[in-house]
Amino acid sequence: MDYQKILEDIYKEIIPFAKTGKQADYIPALAKVNPDQFGMCLETVSGEVFPFMQADTRFSIQSITKVFALAMCLSLKGENLWKRVGKEPSGTAFNSLVQLEVEKGIPRNPFINAGAIVLADILLTELDDPENEYLAFVRSLCGNDSVGYNMEVAFSEREKGYLNAAIANMLKYHGTIDNDIEDVLMFYFKMCSVEMNCRELARAFLSFTNSRVFYHSGYRLSSSQIKRMNAVMQTCGFYDEAGEFSYLVGLPGKSGVGGGIVAIYPMRYAVAVWSPRLNSKGNSVMGIKALELLTTATQESIF
């Protein structure tokens, strides 16, 4: 299949959406990002790489980082992980306090902010050097040791992270997190600040296509665990727009408010797309449209 031509054709078709939405300006550092950028990269399990436009421009991956954190925690804790965090779609905003209060401090899934803060707490408890070990894991997945944190973004998020601080305090009140609130929040914001490009993200997520043994930087996941991670990405990976993404695109994946989206076609490929302008749900407008057109053109989805 000529994926390169398909990506070129997709871009021509989504140009009318180029000015729709806006970048995540509630995070001061992200408000500075030029919103009129677009990159995409698809990598197959056989090693073919199809980059397009700004596929090598790095950006803050934000909530996409939660997939990496989930992989580490699942490797460390196994099924016991699900005693601390659920695996059901939220149906509410990614930073909702209401649901967390009603459900007595157990986050609905690991991809909403409350769930990812719990993952950060687990890593702080389990690892000797959480920041460096997390980065080593991500670098191992994408094969690039220059990937790192953007501390300007991390401190920017902490400066304006009032709602996340409220979430962390509620989690602490219910005994769901063990470590100091400030330590957990700062580690969470650092994980979200990691900068990668579409080429690196596609390579990293190729490990979750279940096409090979998963062993990276000392962390192992079974075939069954990877399948279950894909299931959680399918149902919970796009905030309260997961159903719409499944309907339009039909692939498991994860989005971030930095404008990135990564999706997986199991046993076939991983694809990453980046465009900073977001819709009201916090997902990239052009990114979702590009992936919808990709699965339409290729007739490749999991359904």
C-alpha atoms as a PDB file:
ATOM      1  CA  MET A   1       0.000   0.000   0.000  1.00  0.00           C
ATOM      2  CA  ASP A   2       1.314   3.459  -0.935  1.00  0.00           C
ATOM      3  CA  TYR A   3       1.046   5.089   2.499  1.00  0.00           C
ATOM      4  CA  GLN A   4       3.162   8.076   1.426  1.00  0.00           C
ATOM      5  CA  LYS A   5       0.713   9.090  -1.283  1.00  0.00           C
ATOM      6  CA  ILE A   6      -2.206   8.475   1.072  1.00  0.00           C
ATOM      7  CA  LEU A   7      -0.702  10.896   3.624  1.00  0.00           C
ATOM      8  CA  GLU A   8      -0.196  13.505   0.903  1.00  0.00           C
ATOM      9  CA  ASP A   9      -3.784  13.109  -0.310  1.00  0.00           C
ATOM     10  CA  ILE A  10      -5.103  13.319   3.258  1.00  0.00           C
ATOM     11  CA  TYR A  11      -3.376  16.640   3.851  1.00  0.00           C
ATOM     12  CA  LYS A  12      -4.880  18.166   0.718  1.00  0.00           C
ATOM     13  CA  GLU A  13      -8.322  17.158   1.963  1.00  0.00           C
ATOM     14  CA  ILE A  14      -7.948  18.524   5.515  1.00  0.00           C
ATOM     15  CA  ILE A  15      -6.525  21.948   4.577  1.00  0.00           C
ATOM     16  CA  PRO A  16     -10.007  23.532   5.014  1.00  0.00           C
ATOM     17  CA  PHE A  17      -9.740  22.688   8.744  1.00  0.00           C
ATOM     18  CA  ALA A  18      -6.360  24.411   9.145  1.00  0.00           C
ATOM     19  CA  LYS A  19      -7.716  27.393  11.112  1.00  0.00           C
ATOM     20  CA  THR A  20     -10.324  25.516  13.162  1.00  0.00           C
ATOM     21  CA  GLY A  21      -9.747  25.357  16.910  1.00  0.00           C
ATOM     22  CA  LYS A  22      -6.930  26.812  19.004  1.00  0.00           C
ATOM     23  CA  GLN A  23      -3.906  25.561  20.899  1.00  0.00           C
ATOM     24  CA  ALA A  24      -4.019  24.795  24.639  1.00  0.00           C
ATOM     25  CA  ASP A  25      -3.567  28.370  25.792  1.00  0.00           C
ATOM     26  CA  TYR A  26      -4.515  27.596  29.406  1.00  0.00           C
ATOM     27  CA  ILE A  27      -0.954  26.260  29.719  1.00  0.00           C
ATOM     28  CA  PRO A  28       1.182  29.401  29.252  1.00  0.00           C
ATOM     29  CA  ALA A  29       4.118  27.651  27.567  1.00  0.00           C
ATOM     30  CA  LEU A  30       1.836  25.895  25.075  1.00  0.00           C
ATOM     31  CA  ALA A  31       0.091  29.171  24.248  1.00  0.00           C
ATOM     32  CA  LYS A  32       3.368  30.278  22.632  1.00  0.00           C
ATOM     33  CA  VAL A  33       3.381  27.387  20.137  1.00  0.00           C
ATOM     34  CA  ASN A  34       2.699  28.287  16.508  1.00  0.00           C
ATOM     35  CA  PRO A  35      -0.703  26.624  15.952  1.00  0.00           C
ATOM     36  CA  ASP A  36      -0.326  26.445  12.169  1.00  0.00           C
ATOM     37  CA  GLN A  37       1.919  23.388  12.049  1.00  0.00           C
ATOM     38  CA  PHE A  38       1.247  19.847  10.878  1.00  0.00           C
ATOM     39  CA  GLY A  39       3.253  16.653  10.958  1.00  0.00           C
ATOM     40  CA  MET A  40       2.476  12.984  10.456  1.00  0.00           C
ATOM     41  CA  CYS A  41       4.408   9.724  10.381  1.00  0.00           C
ATOM     42  CA  LEU A  42       3.358   6.115   9.881  1.00  0.00           C
ATOM     43  CA  GLU A  43       5.698   3.207  10.634  1.00  0.00           C
ATOM     44  CA  THR A  44       4.864  -0.402   9.791  1.00  0.00           C
ATOM     45  CA  VAL A  45       5.855  -3.455  11.818  1.00  0.00           C
ATOM     46  CA  SER A  46       8.158  -4.419   8.945  1.00  0.00           C
ATOM     47  CA  GLY A  47      10.139  -1.207   9.471  1.00  0.00           C
ATOM     48  CA  GLU A  48       8.853   0.988   6.628  1.00  0.00           C
ATOM     49  CA  VAL A  49       8.652   4.651   7.664  1.00  0.00           C
ATOM     50  CA  PHE A  50       6.441   7.250   5.969  1.00  0.00           C
ATOM     51  CA  PRO A  51       7.092  10.776   7.341  1.00  0.00           C
ATOM     52  CA  PHE A  52       5.127  13.775   6.113  1.00  0.00           C
ATOM     53  CA  MET A  53       5.695  17.518   6.556  1.00  0.00           C
ATOM     54  CA  GLN A  54       6.831  18.394  10.104  1.00  0.00           C
ATOM     55  CA  ALA A  55       7.264  14.797  11.207  1.00  0.00           C
ATOM     56  CA  ASP A  56      10.589  15.699  12.849  1.00  0.00           C
ATOM     57  CA  THR A  57       9.389  18.738  14.825  1.00  0.00           C
ATOM     58  CA  ARG A  58       9.179  17.975  18.527  1.00  0.00           C
ATOM     59  CA  PHE A  59       6.249  19.056  20.680  1.00  0.00           C
ATOM     60  CA  SER A  60       4.982  18.478  24.206  1.00  0.00           C
ATOM     61  CA  ILE A  61       3.275  15.076  24.155  1.00  0.00           C
ATOM     62  CA  GLN A  62       1.161  15.849  27.248  1.00  0.00           C
ATOM     63  CA  SER A  63      -1.424  13.069  27.884  1.00  0.00           C
ATOM     64  CA  ILE A  64       0.176  10.690  25.397  1.00  0.00           C
ATOM     65  CA  THR A  65       2.743  10.216  28.163  1.00  0.00           C
ATOM     66  CA  LYS A  66       0.078   8.382  30.172  1.00  0.00           C
ATOM     67  CA  VAL A  67       0.402   5.340  27.910  1.00  0.00           C
ATOM     68  CA  PHE A  68       4.091   5.050  28.746  1.00  0.00           C
ATOM     69  CA  ALA A  69       3.356   5.455  32.459  1.00  0.00           C
ATOM     70  CA  LEU A  70       0.632   2.799  32.247  1.00  0.00           C
ATOM     71  CA  ALA A  71       3.022   0.370  30.554  1.00  0.00           C
ATOM     72  CA  MET A  72       5.589   0.831  33.333  1.00  0.00           C
ATOM     73  CA  CYS A  73       3.014   0.496  36.123  1.00  0.00           C
ATOM     74  CA  LEU A  74       1.420  -2.571  34.524  1.00  0.00           C
ATOM     75  CA  SER A  75       4.837  -4.193  34.264  1.00  0.00           C
ATOM     76  CA  LEU A  76       5.597  -3.368  37.905  1.00  0.00           C
ATOM     77  CA  LYS A  77       2.222  -4.101  39.520  1.00  0.00           C
ATOM     78  CA  GLY A  78       0.400  -6.478  37.152  1.00  0.00           C
ATOM     79  CA  GLU A  79      -3.315  -6.903  37.777  1.00  0.00           C
ATOM     80  CA  ASN A  80      -2.963  -5.314  41.229  1.00  0.00           C
ATOM     81  CA  LEU A  81      -2.719  -1.973  39.427  1.00  0.00           C
ATOM     82  CA  TRP A  82      -6.470  -2.006  38.847  1.00  0.00           C
ATOM     83  CA  LYS A  83      -7.135  -1.830  42.586  1.00  0.00           C
ATOM     84  CA  ARG A  84      -5.851   1.772  42.463  1.00  0.00           C
ATOM     85  CA  VAL A  85      -7.397   2.935  39.193  1.00  0.00           C
ATOM     86  CA  GLY A  86     -10.322   1.763  37.055  1.00  0.00           C
ATOM     87  CA  LYS A  87     -10.530   0.974  33.348  1.00  0.00           C
ATOM     88  CA  GLU A  88     -13.917   2.386  32.388  1.00  0.00           C
ATOM     89  CA  PRO A  89     -14.570   5.335  30.036  1.00  0.00           C
ATOM     90  CA  SER A  90     -15.145   8.516  32.015  1.00  0.00           C
ATOM     91  CA  GLY A  91     -17.771  10.335  29.974  1.00  0.00           C
ATOM     92  CA  THR A  92     -16.600  13.527  31.676  1.00  0.00           C
ATOM     93  CA  ALA A  93     -13.777  15.993  31.045  1.00  0.00           C
ATOM     94  CA  PHE A  94     -10.211  14.742  31.607  1.00  0.00           C
ATOM     95  CA  ASN A  95      -9.801  17.087  34.587  1.00  0.00           C
ATOM     96  CA  SER A  96     -13.195  16.545  36.205  1.00  0.00           C
ATOM     97  CA  LEU A  97     -13.398  16.638  39.988  1.00  0.00           C
ATOM     98  CA  VAL A  98     -17.062  15.693  40.183  1.00  0.00           C
ATOM     99  CA  GLN A  99     -16.693  12.058  39.146  1.00  0.00           C
ATOM    100  CA  LEU A 100     -13.667  11.565  41.381  1.00  0.00           C
ATOM    101  CA  GLU A 101     -15.591  12.817  44.394  1.00  0.00           C
ATOM    102  CA  VAL A 102     -18.640  10.658  43.673  1.00  0.00           C
ATOM    103  CA  GLU A 103     -16.457   7.569  43.249  1.00  0.00           C
ATOM    104  CA  LYS A 104     -14.550   8.197  46.485  1.00  0.00           C
ATOM    105  CA  GLY A 105     -11.117   8.890  45.060  1.00  0.00           C
ATOM    106  CA  ILE A 106     -10.742   5.973  42.632  1.00  0.00           C
ATOM    107  CA  PRO A 107     -10.071   7.427  39.159  1.00  0.00           C
ATOM    108  CA  ARG A 108     -12.276   6.011  36.417  1.00  0.00           C
ATOM    109  CA  ASN A 109      -9.309   5.132  34.172  1.00  0.00           C
ATOM    110  CA  PRO A 110      -5.534   5.763  33.891  1.00  0.00           C
ATOM    111  CA  PHE A 111      -5.860   8.294  31.058  1.00  0.00           C
ATOM    112  CA  ILE A 112      -7.838  10.995  32.826  1.00  0.00           C
ATOM    113  CA  ASN A 113      -5.675  13.344  34.892  1.00  0.00           C
ATOM    114  CA  ALA A 114      -6.636  11.760  38.214  1.00  0.00           C
ATOM    115  CA  GLY A 115      -5.667   8.311  36.937  1.00  0.00           C
ATOM    116  CA  ALA A 116      -2.343   9.488  35.575  1.00  0.00           C
ATOM    117  CA  ILE A 117      -1.542  11.247  38.858  1.00  0.00           C
ATOM    118  CA  VAL A 118      -2.035   7.866  40.557  1.00  0.00           C
ATOM    119  CA  LEU A 119       0.372   6.305  38.021  1.00  0.00           C
ATOM    120  CA  ALA A 120       2.918   9.011  38.854  1.00  0.00           C
ATOM    121  CA  ASP A 121       2.518   8.201  42.560  1.00  0.00           C
ATOM    122  CA  ILE A 122       3.109   4.495  41.910  1.00  0.00           C
ATOM    123  CA  LEU A 123       6.290   5.201  39.953  1.00  0.00           C
ATOM    124  CA  LEU A 124       7.553   7.516  42.701  1.00  0.00           C
ATOM    125  CA  THR A 125       7.075   4.686  45.195  1.00  0.00           C
ATOM    126  CA  GLU A 126       8.445   1.845  43.078  1.00  0.00           C
ATOM    127  CA  LEU A 127      11.470   3.444  41.390  1.00  0.00           C
ATOM    128  CA  ASP A 128      14.798   4.546  42.868  1.00  0.00           C
ATOM    129  CA  ASP A 129      15.208   7.387  40.376  1.00  0.00           C
ATOM    130  CA  PRO A 130      11.755   7.992  38.835  1.00  0.00           C
ATOM    131  CA  GLU A 131      12.588  10.925  36.557  1.00  0.00           C
ATOM    132  CA  ASN A 132      15.620   9.309  34.938  1.00  0.00           C
ATOM    133  CA  GLU A 133      14.095   5.833  34.803  1.00  0.00           C
ATOM    134  CA  TYR A 134      10.932   7.128  33.157  1.00  0.00           C
ATOM    135  CA  LEU A 135      12.962   9.000  30.562  1.00  0.00           C
ATOM    136  CA  ALA A 136      15.145   5.943  29.937  1.00  0.00           C
ATOM    137  CA  PHE A 137      12.011   3.890  29.266  1.00  0.00           C
ATOM    138  CA  VAL A 138      10.620   6.408  26.760  1.00  0.00           C
ATOM    139  CA  ARG A 139      14.009   6.728  25.046  1.00  0.00           C
ATOM    140  CA  SER A 140      14.214   2.944  24.778  1.00  0.00           C
ATOM    141  CA  LEU A 141      10.787   2.801  23.112  1.00  0.00           C
ATOM    142  CA  CYS A 142      11.566   5.423  20.481  1.00  0.00           C
ATOM    143  CA  GLY A 143      15.255   4.648  20.060  1.00  0.00           C
ATOM    144  CA  ASN A 144      16.450   8.201  20.644  1.00  0.00           C
ATOM    145  CA  ASP A 145      18.446   9.249  23.692  1.00  0.00           C
ATOM    146  CA  SER A 146      17.966  12.960  22.995  1.00  0.00           C
ATOM    147  CA  VAL A 147      14.275  12.869  24.011  1.00  0.00           C
ATOM    148  CA  GLY A 148      13.822  14.819  27.230  1.00  0.00           C
ATOM    149  CA  TYR A 149      11.661  16.942  29.499  1.00  0.00           C
ATOM    150  CA  ASN A 150      10.786  20.540  28.670  1.00  0.00           C
ATOM    151  CA  MET A 151      11.095  22.147  32.071  1.00  0.00           C
ATOM    152  CA  GLU A 152       9.570  25.435  30.880  1.00  0.00           C
ATOM    153  CA  VAL A 153       6.388  23.530  30.051  1.00  0.00           C
ATOM    154  CA  ALA A 154       6.493  21.556  33.323  1.00  0.00           C
ATOM    155  CA  PHE A 155       6.861  24.668  35.501  1.00  0.00           C
ATOM    156  CA  SER A 156       4.269  26.480  33.396  1.00  0.00           C
ATOM    157  CA  GLU A 157       1.789  23.690  34.082  1.00  0.00           C
ATOM    158  CA  ARG A 158       2.586  23.717  37.785  1.00  0.00           C
ATOM    159  CA  GLU A 159       2.148  27.473  37.955  1.00  0.00           C
ATOM    160  CA  LYS A 160      -1.397  27.256  36.560  1.00  0.00           C
ATOM    161  CA  GLY A 161      -2.211  23.714  37.700  1.00  0.00           C
ATOM    162  CA  TYR A 162      -4.893  24.639  40.221  1.00  0.00           C
ATOM    163  CA  LEU A 163      -7.353  21.977  39.127  1.00  0.00           C
ATOM    164  CA  ASN A 164      -4.736  19.232  39.042  1.00  0.00           C
ATOM    165  CA  ALA A 165      -3.654  20.296  42.524  1.00  0.00           C
ATOM    166  CA  ALA A 166      -7.276  19.967  43.661  1.00  0.00           C
ATOM    167  CA  ILE A 167      -7.433  16.486  42.105  1.00  0.00           C
ATOM    168  CA  ALA A 168      -4.203  15.460  43.862  1.00  0.00           C
ATOM    169  CA  ASN A 169      -5.503  16.750  47.188  1.00  0.00           C
ATOM    170  CA  MET A 170      -8.732  14.790  46.780  1.00  0.00           C
ATOM    171  CA  LEU A 171      -6.769  11.658  45.911  1.00  0.00           C
ATOM    172  CA  LYS A 172      -4.634  12.188  49.002  1.00  0.00           C
ATOM    173  CA  TYR A 173      -7.743  12.709  51.144  1.00  0.00           C
ATOM    174  CA  HIS A 174      -9.106   9.343  50.004  1.00  0.00           C
ATOM    175  CA  GLY A 175      -5.746   7.612  50.498  1.00  0.00           C
ATOM    176  CA  THR A 176      -5.322   6.830  46.800  1.00  0.00           C
ATOM    177  CA  ILE A 177      -1.827   8.351  46.583  1.00  0.00           C
ATOM    178  CA  ASP A 178       0.958   7.787  49.089  1.00  0.00           C
ATOM    179  CA  ASN A 179       3.661  10.335  48.322  1.00  0.00           C
ATOM    180  CA  ASP A 180       3.884  14.054  49.017  1.00  0.00           C
ATOM    181  CA  ILE A 181       1.352  15.928  46.869  1.00  0.00           C
ATOM    182  CA  GLU A 182       3.886  18.404  45.500  1.00  0.00           C
ATOM    183  CA  ASP A 183       6.306  15.618  44.557  1.00  0.00           C
ATOM    184  CA  VAL A 184       3.566  13.695  42.737  1.00  0.00           C
ATOM    185  CA  LEU A 185       2.323  16.759  40.868  1.00  0.00           C
ATOM    186  CA  MET A 186       5.762  17.865  39.769  1.00  0.00           C
ATOM    187  CA  PHE A 187       6.642  14.403  38.491  1.00  0.00           C
ATOM    188  CA  TYR A 188       3.297  14.229  36.660  1.00  0.00           C
ATOM    189  CA  PHE A 189       3.899  17.606  34.989  1.00  0.00           C
ATOM    190  CA  LYS A 190       7.419  16.584  33.987  1.00  0.00           C
ATOM    191  CA  MET A 191       6.103  13.416  32.353  1.00  0.00           C
ATOM    192  CA  CYS A 192       3.547  15.477  30.423  1.00  0.00           C
ATOM    193  CA  SER A 193       6.270  17.906  29.309  1.00  0.00           C
ATOM    194  CA  VAL A 194       8.284  15.255  27.433  1.00  0.00           C
ATOM    195  CA  GLU A 195       8.953  16.420  23.882  1.00  0.00           C
ATOM    196  CA  MET A 196       8.838  14.004  20.959  1.00  0.00           C
ATOM    197  CA  ASN A 197       8.060  14.232  17.267  1.00  0.00           C
ATOM    198  CA  CYS A 198       5.724  12.176  15.093  1.00  0.00           C
ATOM    199  CA  ARG A 199       8.514   9.909  13.878  1.00  0.00           C
ATOM    200  CA  GLU A 200       9.583   9.122  17.461  1.00  0.00           C
ATOM    201  CA  LEU A 201       6.010   8.612  18.671  1.00  0.00           C
ATOM    202  CA  ALA A 202       5.159   6.236  15.832  1.00  0.00           C
ATOM    203  CA  ARG A 203       8.295   4.215  16.615  1.00  0.00           C
ATOM    204  CA  ALA A 204       7.502   4.192  20.358  1.00  0.00           C
ATOM    205  CA  PHE A 205       3.926   3.006  19.866  1.00  0.00           C
ATOM    206  CA  LEU A 206       4.984   0.295  17.441  1.00  0.00           C
ATOM    207  CA  SER A 207       5.888  -1.656  20.572  1.00  0.00           C
ATOM    208  CA  PHE A 208       2.187  -1.731  21.500  1.00  0.00           C
ATOM    209  CA  THR A 209       1.057  -3.263  18.212  1.00  0.00           C
ATOM    210  CA  ASN A 210       1.589  -6.699  19.776  1.00  0.00           C
ATOM    211  CA  SER A 211       3.874  -7.648  16.905  1.00  0.00           C
ATOM    212  CA  ARG A 212       6.929  -8.452  18.982  1.00  0.00           C
ATOM    213  CA  VAL A 213       8.069  -9.307  22.506  1.00  0.00           C
ATOM    214  CA  PHE A 214       7.780  -6.232  24.721  1.00  0.00           C
ATOM    215  CA  TYR A 215      10.959  -5.736  26.723  1.00  0.00           C
ATOM    216  CA  HIS A 216      12.297  -2.201  27.103  1.00  0.00           C
ATOM    217  CA  SER A 217      14.659  -0.753  29.689  1.00  0.00           C
ATOM    218  CA  GLY A 218      13.961  -3.654  32.057  1.00  0.00           C
ATOM    219  CA  TYR A 219      10.167  -3.611  31.706  1.00  0.00           C
ATOM    220  CA  ARG A 220       8.289  -6.607  30.331  1.00  0.00           C
ATOM    221  CA  LEU A 221       4.697  -6.878  29.162  1.00  0.00           C
ATOM    222  CA  SER A 222       2.972 -10.036  28.020  1.00  0.00           C
ATOM    223  CA  SER A 223       0.979 -10.268  24.808  1.00  0.00           C
ATOM    224  CA  SER A 224      -2.164 -10.328  26.926  1.00  0.00           C
ATOM    225  CA  GLN A 225      -1.177  -7.156  28.794  1.00  0.00           C
ATOM    226  CA  ILE A 226      -0.514  -5.309  25.534  1.00  0.00           C
ATOM    227  CA  LYS A 227      -3.920  -6.353  24.193  1.00  0.00           C
ATOM    228  CA  ARG A 228      -5.530  -5.039  27.357  1.00  0.00           C
ATOM    229  CA  MET A 229      -3.617  -1.754  27.058  1.00  0.00           C
ATOM    230  CA  ASN A 230      -5.000  -1.452  23.532  1.00  0.00           C
ATOM    231  CA  ALA A 231      -8.489  -2.031  24.907  1.00  0.00           C
ATOM    232  CA  VAL A 232      -8.080   0.800  27.423  1.00  0.00           C
ATOM    233  CA  MET A 233      -6.709   3.088  24.692  1.00  0.00           C
ATOM    234  CA  GLN A 234      -9.725   2.254  22.525  1.00  0.00           C
ATOM    235  CA  THR A 235     -12.294   3.051  25.209  1.00  0.00           C
ATOM    236  CA  CYS A 236     -10.522   5.773  27.203  1.00  0.00           C
ATOM    237  CA  GLY A 237      -7.776   7.303  25.054  1.00  0.00           C
ATOM    238  CA  PHE A 238      -9.561  10.425  23.857  1.00  0.00           C
ATOM    239  CA  TYR A 239     -11.064  12.003  26.963  1.00  0.00           C
ATOM    240  CA  ASP A 240     -14.849  12.244  26.626  1.00  0.00           C
ATOM    241  CA  GLU A 241     -14.584  11.909  22.840  1.00  0.00           C
ATOM    242  CA  ALA A 242     -13.466   8.261  22.860  1.00  0.00           C
ATOM    243  CA  GLY A 243     -16.730   7.004  21.385  1.00  0.00           C
ATOM    244  CA  GLU A 244     -16.598   9.510  18.547  1.00  0.00           C
ATOM    245  CA  PHE A 245     -12.980   8.578  17.789  1.00  0.00           C
ATOM    246  CA  SER A 246     -13.863   4.872  17.713  1.00  0.00           C
ATOM    247  CA  TYR A 247     -16.761   5.654  15.398  1.00  0.00           C
ATOM    248  CA  LEU A 248     -14.753   7.843  13.008  1.00  0.00           C
ATOM    249  CA  VAL A 249     -11.312   6.208  13.113  1.00  0.00           C
ATOM    250  CA  GLY A 250     -11.687   2.725  14.541  1.00  0.00           C
ATOM    251  CA  LEU A 251      -8.207   2.377  16.052  1.00  0.00           C
ATOM    252  CA  PRO A 252      -6.914   2.347  19.650  1.00  0.00           C
ATOM    253  CA  GLY A 253      -4.766   5.332  20.484  1.00  0.00           C
ATOM    254  CA  LYS A 254      -4.088   8.325  22.687  1.00  0.00           C
ATOM    255  CA  SER A 255      -4.259  12.074  22.281  1.00  0.00           C
ATOM    256  CA  GLY A 256      -2.649  14.970  24.124  1.00  0.00           C
ATOM    257  CA  VAL A 257      -3.459  18.669  24.462  1.00  0.00           C
ATOM    258  CA  GLY A 258      -0.119  19.462  22.820  1.00  0.00           C
ATOM    259  CA  GLY A 259      -1.934  18.547  19.589  1.00  0.00           C
ATOM    260  CA  GLY A 260      -0.490  15.074  19.161  1.00  0.00           C
ATOM    261  CA  ILE A 261      -2.392  11.850  18.494  1.00  0.00           C
ATOM    262  CA  VAL A 262      -0.969   8.349  18.167  1.00  0.00           C
ATOM    263  CA  ALA A 263      -3.008   5.396  16.903  1.00  0.00           C
ATOM    264  CA  ILE A 264      -2.268   1.709  16.391  1.00  0.00           C
ATOM    265  CA  TYR A 265      -3.387  -0.802  13.827  1.00  0.00           C
ATOM    266  CA  PRO A 266      -2.559  -4.056  15.685  1.00  0.00           C
ATOM    267  CA  MET A 267      -0.001  -6.229  13.930  1.00  0.00           C
ATOM    268  CA  ARG A 268       0.303  -3.657  11.121  1.00  0.00           C
ATOM    269  CA  TYR A 269       1.452  -0.118  12.002  1.00  0.00           C
ATOM    270  CA  ALA A 270       1.574   2.822  14.381  1.00  0.00           C
ATOM    271  CA  VAL A 271       0.788   6.334  13.171  1.00  0.00           C
ATOM    272  CA  ALA A 272       1.365   9.703  14.842  1.00  0.00           C
ATOM    273  CA  VAL A 273      -0.068  13.046  13.791  1.00  0.00           C
ATOM    274  CA  TRP A 274       0.455  16.526  15.239  1.00  0.00           C
ATOM    275  CA  SER A 275      -1.499  19.730  14.768  1.00  0.00           C
ATOM    276  CA  PRO A 276      -1.796  22.111  17.759  1.00  0.00           C
ATOM    277  CA  ARG A 277      -5.304  23.473  17.128  1.00  0.00           C
ATOM    278  CA  LEU A 278      -7.730  21.621  19.422  1.00  0.00           C
ATOM    279  CA  ASN A 279     -11.480  21.099  19.471  1.00  0.00           C
ATOM    280  CA  SER A 280     -13.637  21.693  22.558  1.00  0.00           C
ATOM    281  CA  LYS A 281     -12.786  18.222  23.899  1.00  0.00           C
ATOM    282  CA  GLY A 282      -9.024  18.878  23.825  1.00  0.00           C
ATOM    283  CA  ASN A 283      -8.234  16.785  20.734  1.00  0.00           C
ATOM    284  CA  SER A 284      -6.445  17.935  17.581  1.00  0.00           C
ATOM    285  CA  VAL A 285      -8.952  18.986  14.917  1.00  0.00           C
ATOM    286  CA  MET A 286      -6.757  18.174  11.918  1.00  0.00           C
ATOM    287  CA  GLY A 287      -5.288  15.154  13.690  1.00  0.00           C
ATOM    288  CA  ILE A 288      -8.625  13.408  14.145  1.00  0.00           C
ATOM    289  CA  LYS A 289      -9.694  14.274  10.610  1.00  0.00           C
ATOM    290  CA  ALA A 290      -6.409  12.960   9.192  1.00  0.00           C
ATOM    291  CA  LEU A 291      -6.772   9.627  10.994  1.00  0.00           C
ATOM    292  CA  GLU A 292     -10.406   9.310   9.951  1.00  0.00           C
ATOM    293  CA  LEU A 293      -9.367   9.760   6.321  1.00  0.00           C
ATOM    294  CA  LEU A 294      -6.450   7.335   6.784  1.00  0.00           C
ATOM    295  CA  THR A 295      -8.641   4.436   7.875  1.00  0.00           C
ATOM    296  CA  THR A 296     -11.225   5.327   5.224  1.00  0.00           C
ATOM    297  CA  ALA A 297      -8.630   5.375   2.429  1.00  0.00           C
ATOM    298  CA  THR A 298      -6.866   2.189   3.544  1.00  0.00           C
ATOM    299  CA  GLN A 299     -10.014   0.388   4.730  1.00  0.00           C
ATOM    300  CA  GLU A 300      -7.904  -0.687   7.698  1.00  0.00           C
ATOM    301  CA  SER A 301      -9.493  -0.438  11.133  1.00  0.00           C
ATOM    302  CA  ILE A 302     -10.005  -2.957  13.918  1.00  0.00           C
ATOM    303  CA  PHE A 303     -13.731  -3.186  13.154  1.00  0.00           C
END
